[in-house]
Amino acid sequence: MSLVLIATDDYTLYGIIAAEVESLGHEAMWAAEGMEALQSAEAKPVDLALLDTRLATFSGFEVC
């Protein structure tokens, strides 16, 4: 099972993506802003990060 980090400030969008990720047998993790995405990835390495380009604190581009 892979861990997928989904970073978006839109919880509805997270729910849609997470449902699909989980239906494929993977684990989804949510971050609402760029700094949270960085901290989450440092605490628990992820296999894939889906990043919104317009996040608070850091954009998805800056997180990369």
Protein backbone atom coordinates (compact mmCIF):
# COMPACT_ATOMS: atom_id res chain seq x y z
CA MET A 1 0.00 0.00 0.00
CA SER A 2 1.28 3.45 -0.93
CA LEU A 3 0.84 6.67 1.01
CA VAL A 4 -0.50 9.61 -0.99
CA LEU A 5 -0.26 13.14 0.40
CA ILE A 6 -3.05 15.38 -0.90
CA ALA A 7 -2.34 19.04 -0.20
CA THR A 8 -5.28 21.33 -0.86
CA ASP A 9 -7.21 23.90 1.12
CA ASP A 10 -10.46 22.57 -0.39
CA TYR A 11 -11.65 19.77 1.89
CA THR A 12 -14.37 18.73 -0.57
CA LEU A 13 -11.77 18.22 -3.28
CA TYR A 14 -9.62 16.27 -0.82
CA GLY A 15 -12.57 14.00 -0.07
CA ILE A 16 -13.15 13.25 -3.75
CA ILE A 17 -9.49 12.49 -4.45
CA ALA A 18 -9.02 10.55 -1.20
CA ALA A 19 -12.03 8.33 -1.97
CA GLU A 20 -10.52 7.40 -5.34
CA VAL A 21 -7.03 6.85 -3.87
CA GLU A 22 -8.44 4.64 -1.11
CA SER A 23 -10.64 2.69 -3.55
CA LEU A 24 -7.42 1.72 -5.32
CA GLY A 25 -6.01 0.31 -2.07
CA HIS A 26 -3.79 3.20 -1.04
CA GLU A 27 -3.74 5.42 2.05
CA ALA A 28 -4.55 9.14 1.73
CA MET A 29 -3.21 11.89 3.97
CA TRP A 30 -4.46 15.50 3.92
CA ALA A 31 -2.56 18.77 4.36
CA ALA A 32 -4.43 22.08 4.18
CA GLU A 33 -1.43 24.32 3.53
CA GLY A 34 2.12 24.18 2.23
CA MET A 35 3.93 24.19 5.57
CA GLU A 36 1.70 21.39 6.82
CA ALA A 37 2.47 19.39 3.66
CA LEU A 38 6.22 19.76 4.27
CA GLN A 39 5.92 18.77 7.91
CA SER A 40 3.72 15.79 7.11
CA ALA A 41 6.11 14.52 4.44
CA GLU A 42 9.08 14.90 6.79
CA ALA A 43 7.29 13.05 9.59
CA LYS A 44 6.06 10.21 7.39
CA PRO A 45 7.62 9.81 3.93
CA VAL A 46 5.05 9.65 1.14
CA ASP A 47 5.06 7.74 -2.13
CA LEU A 48 3.15 10.40 -4.06
CA ALA A 49 2.28 14.04 -3.33
CA LEU A 50 -0.60 15.77 -5.10
CA LEU A 51 -0.13 19.48 -4.48
CA ASP A 52 -2.45 22.41 -5.09
CA THR A 53 -0.47 25.21 -6.71
CA ARG A 54 -2.16 27.87 -4.56
CA LEU A 55 -1.69 26.95 -0.92
CA ALA A 56 -1.20 29.13 2.14
CA THR A 57 2.37 29.58 3.48
CA PHE A 58 4.00 27.74 0.51
CA SER A 59 2.58 26.98 -2.91
CA GLY A 60 2.66 23.47 -4.29
CA PHE A 61 5.60 24.54 -6.43
CA GLU A 62 7.55 25.71 -3.37
CA VAL A 63 6.78 22.49 -1.50
CA CYS A 64 8.48 20.52 -4.29
